[in-house]
Amino acid sequence: MGYSTIQMVKERPGIPETNTEYDQVLEDKIRAADSLIDNRLKRYTKVPLENPPEIIAEISADLAAALFREDQAPPNESNVFRGRAEKALEAYIRETYLHIGFTKTG
């Protein structure tokens, strides 16, 4: 099972939940998105994540929607989903694995 669901991905580009035309493609995009996420996280933790936080599910859905959109859109079209996913993943890594501990003074 992926970090996100088909329904989560469908919400991004506005594909009706009842439209199953793209379900297999979206499953493939979720797998690809999760692989990209795992590739970024593997230097910090064991992947795939056993109990991923909700933010990882949201990142996966955004990234899967981005991959889907990139296949459908004209070349060089900007992709809000990819940008949002990349920023969120960077923030997650920074806050989860790269945080600097506080030193008690005084």
C-alpha atoms as a PDB file:
ATOM      1  CA  MET A   1       0.000   0.000   0.000  1.00  0.00           C
ATOM      2  CA  GLY A   2       1.263   3.450  -0.886  1.00  0.00           C
ATOM      3  CA  TYR A   3       1.661   6.440   1.351  1.00  0.00           C
ATOM      4  CA  SER A   4      -1.338   8.094  -0.325  1.00  0.00           C
ATOM      5  CA  THR A   5      -4.549   6.879  -1.927  1.00  0.00           C
ATOM      6  CA  ILE A   6      -6.067   7.238  -5.370  1.00  0.00           C
ATOM      7  CA  GLN A   7      -8.811   9.413  -3.874  1.00  0.00           C
ATOM      8  CA  MET A   8      -6.239  11.779  -2.387  1.00  0.00           C
ATOM      9  CA  VAL A   9      -4.509  12.105  -5.749  1.00  0.00           C
ATOM     10  CA  LYS A  10      -7.786  12.604  -7.637  1.00  0.00           C
ATOM     11  CA  GLU A  11      -8.631  15.580  -5.414  1.00  0.00           C
ATOM     12  CA  ARG A  12      -5.609  17.532  -6.642  1.00  0.00           C
ATOM     13  CA  PRO A  13      -6.430  17.831 -10.356  1.00  0.00           C
ATOM     14  CA  GLY A  14     -10.180  17.591  -9.743  1.00  0.00           C
ATOM     15  CA  ILE A  15     -10.807  14.121 -11.140  1.00  0.00           C
ATOM     16  CA  PRO A  16     -14.229  12.953  -9.919  1.00  0.00           C
ATOM     17  CA  GLU A  17     -13.986  10.113  -7.421  1.00  0.00           C
ATOM     18  CA  THR A  18     -16.370   8.058  -9.571  1.00  0.00           C
ATOM     19  CA  ASN A  19     -14.140   8.377 -12.644  1.00  0.00           C
ATOM     20  CA  THR A  20     -12.010   5.227 -12.686  1.00  0.00           C
ATOM     21  CA  GLU A  21     -10.446   5.853 -16.102  1.00  0.00           C
ATOM     22  CA  TYR A  22      -7.089   6.855 -14.604  1.00  0.00           C
ATOM     23  CA  ASP A  23      -6.995   4.606 -11.537  1.00  0.00           C
ATOM     24  CA  GLN A  24      -4.215   2.316 -12.788  1.00  0.00           C
ATOM     25  CA  VAL A  25      -2.142   5.265 -13.955  1.00  0.00           C
ATOM     26  CA  LEU A  26      -2.655   6.982 -10.602  1.00  0.00           C
ATOM     27  CA  GLU A  27      -1.595   3.818  -8.751  1.00  0.00           C
ATOM     28  CA  ASP A  28       1.582   3.820 -10.828  1.00  0.00           C
ATOM     29  CA  LYS A  29       2.154   7.500 -10.056  1.00  0.00           C
ATOM     30  CA  ILE A  30       1.689   6.841  -6.324  1.00  0.00           C
ATOM     31  CA  ARG A  31       4.324   4.090  -6.507  1.00  0.00           C
ATOM     32  CA  ALA A  32       6.667   6.430  -8.361  1.00  0.00           C
ATOM     33  CA  ALA A  33       6.037   9.259  -5.900  1.00  0.00           C
ATOM     34  CA  ASP A  34       6.640   6.974  -2.941  1.00  0.00           C
ATOM     35  CA  SER A  35       9.889   5.773  -4.502  1.00  0.00           C
ATOM     36  CA  LEU A  36      11.045   9.364  -4.865  1.00  0.00           C
ATOM     37  CA  ILE A  37      10.119  10.074  -1.246  1.00  0.00           C
ATOM     38  CA  ASP A  38      11.877   6.932  -0.029  1.00  0.00           C
ATOM     39  CA  ASN A  39      14.950   7.806  -2.043  1.00  0.00           C
ATOM     40  CA  ARG A  40      15.158  11.168  -0.281  1.00  0.00           C
ATOM     41  CA  LEU A  41      14.507   9.699   3.176  1.00  0.00           C
ATOM     42  CA  LYS A  42      16.752   6.628   2.994  1.00  0.00           C
ATOM     43  CA  ARG A  43      19.806   8.485   4.229  1.00  0.00           C
ATOM     44  CA  TYR A  44      17.931   9.406   7.419  1.00  0.00           C
ATOM     45  CA  THR A  45      15.727   6.421   8.227  1.00  0.00           C
ATOM     46  CA  LYS A  46      14.615   2.952   7.177  1.00  0.00           C
ATOM     47  CA  VAL A  47      12.267   3.034   4.201  1.00  0.00           C
ATOM     48  CA  PRO A  48       9.535   2.491   3.349  1.00  0.00           C
ATOM     49  CA  LEU A  49       8.186   4.172   6.448  1.00  0.00           C
ATOM     50  CA  GLU A  50       6.170   1.726   8.530  1.00  0.00           C
ATOM     51  CA  ASN A  51       3.871   4.321  10.088  1.00  0.00           C
ATOM     52  CA  PRO A  52       4.164   7.387   7.900  1.00  0.00           C
ATOM     53  CA  PRO A  53       2.811  10.637   9.291  1.00  0.00           C
ATOM     54  CA  GLU A  54      -0.063  12.349   7.511  1.00  0.00           C
ATOM     55  CA  ILE A  55       2.309  14.880   5.960  1.00  0.00           C
ATOM     56  CA  ILE A  56       4.021  12.070   4.032  1.00  0.00           C
ATOM     57  CA  ALA A  57       0.637  10.951   2.671  1.00  0.00           C
ATOM     58  CA  GLU A  58      -0.047  14.530   1.548  1.00  0.00           C
ATOM     59  CA  ILE A  59       3.407  14.823  -0.038  1.00  0.00           C
ATOM     60  CA  SER A  60       2.875  11.512  -1.825  1.00  0.00           C
ATOM     61  CA  ALA A  61      -0.502  12.649  -3.163  1.00  0.00           C
ATOM     62  CA  ASP A  62       0.901  15.986  -4.348  1.00  0.00           C
ATOM     63  CA  LEU A  63       3.866  14.325  -6.003  1.00  0.00           C
ATOM     64  CA  ALA A  64       1.716  11.636  -7.650  1.00  0.00           C
ATOM     65  CA  ALA A  65      -0.633  14.345  -8.945  1.00  0.00           C
ATOM     66  CA  ALA A  66       2.394  16.246 -10.239  1.00  0.00           C
ATOM     67  CA  LEU A  67       3.693  13.204 -12.097  1.00  0.00           C
ATOM     68  CA  PHE A  68       0.237  12.592 -13.552  1.00  0.00           C
ATOM     69  CA  ARG A  69      -0.126  16.235 -14.571  1.00  0.00           C
ATOM     70  CA  GLU A  70       3.326  16.333 -16.140  1.00  0.00           C
ATOM     71  CA  ASP A  71       2.322  13.447 -18.405  1.00  0.00           C
ATOM     72  CA  GLN A  72      -0.819  15.327 -19.474  1.00  0.00           C
ATOM     73  CA  ALA A  73       0.450  18.907 -19.742  1.00  0.00           C
ATOM     74  CA  PRO A  74       2.451  20.687 -22.418  1.00  0.00           C
ATOM     75  CA  PRO A  75       6.234  20.689 -21.889  1.00  0.00           C
ATOM     76  CA  ASN A  76       7.629  23.278 -19.477  1.00  0.00           C
ATOM     77  CA  GLU A  77       4.274  23.992 -17.842  1.00  0.00           C
ATOM     78  CA  SER A  78       4.809  24.854 -14.193  1.00  0.00           C
ATOM     79  CA  ASN A  79       3.397  22.372 -11.727  1.00  0.00           C
ATOM     80  CA  VAL A  80       2.093  23.630  -8.396  1.00  0.00           C
ATOM     81  CA  PHE A  81       1.781  20.104  -7.015  1.00  0.00           C
ATOM     82  CA  ARG A  82       5.462  19.298  -7.550  1.00  0.00           C
ATOM     83  CA  GLY A  83       6.615  22.547  -5.983  1.00  0.00           C
ATOM     84  CA  ARG A  84       4.370  22.071  -2.975  1.00  0.00           C
ATOM     85  CA  ALA A  85       5.487  18.449  -2.528  1.00  0.00           C
ATOM     86  CA  GLU A  86       9.173  19.300  -2.774  1.00  0.00           C
ATOM     87  CA  LYS A  87       8.891  22.159  -0.268  1.00  0.00           C
ATOM     88  CA  ALA A  88       6.914  20.016   2.160  1.00  0.00           C
ATOM     89  CA  LEU A  89       9.375  17.124   1.897  1.00  0.00           C
ATOM     90  CA  GLU A  90      12.319  19.449   2.490  1.00  0.00           C
ATOM     91  CA  ALA A  91      10.566  20.894   5.540  1.00  0.00           C
ATOM     92  CA  TYR A  92       9.750  17.408   6.843  1.00  0.00           C
ATOM     93  CA  ILE A  93      13.363  16.290   6.492  1.00  0.00           C
ATOM     94  CA  ARG A  94      14.665  19.461   8.103  1.00  0.00           C
ATOM     95  CA  GLU A  95      12.238  19.338  11.027  1.00  0.00           C
ATOM     96  CA  THR A  96      12.352  15.582  11.578  1.00  0.00           C
ATOM     97  CA  TYR A  97      15.954  14.638  10.913  1.00  0.00           C
ATOM     98  CA  LEU A  98      18.066  17.778  10.817  1.00  0.00           C
ATOM     99  CA  HIS A  99      16.758  19.735  13.779  1.00  0.00           C
ATOM    100  CA  ILE A 100      19.360  21.227  16.055  1.00  0.00           C
ATOM    101  CA  GLY A 101      18.991  20.362  19.695  1.00  0.00           C
ATOM    102  CA  PHE A 102      18.809  23.018  22.340  1.00  0.00           C
ATOM    103  CA  THR A 103      21.574  23.320  24.869  1.00  0.00           C
ATOM    104  CA  LYS A 104      20.525  24.250  28.359  1.00  0.00           C
ATOM    105  CA  THR A 105      22.397  27.281  29.598  1.00  0.00           C
ATOM    106  CA  GLY A 106      22.739  28.794  33.003  1.00  0.00           C
END
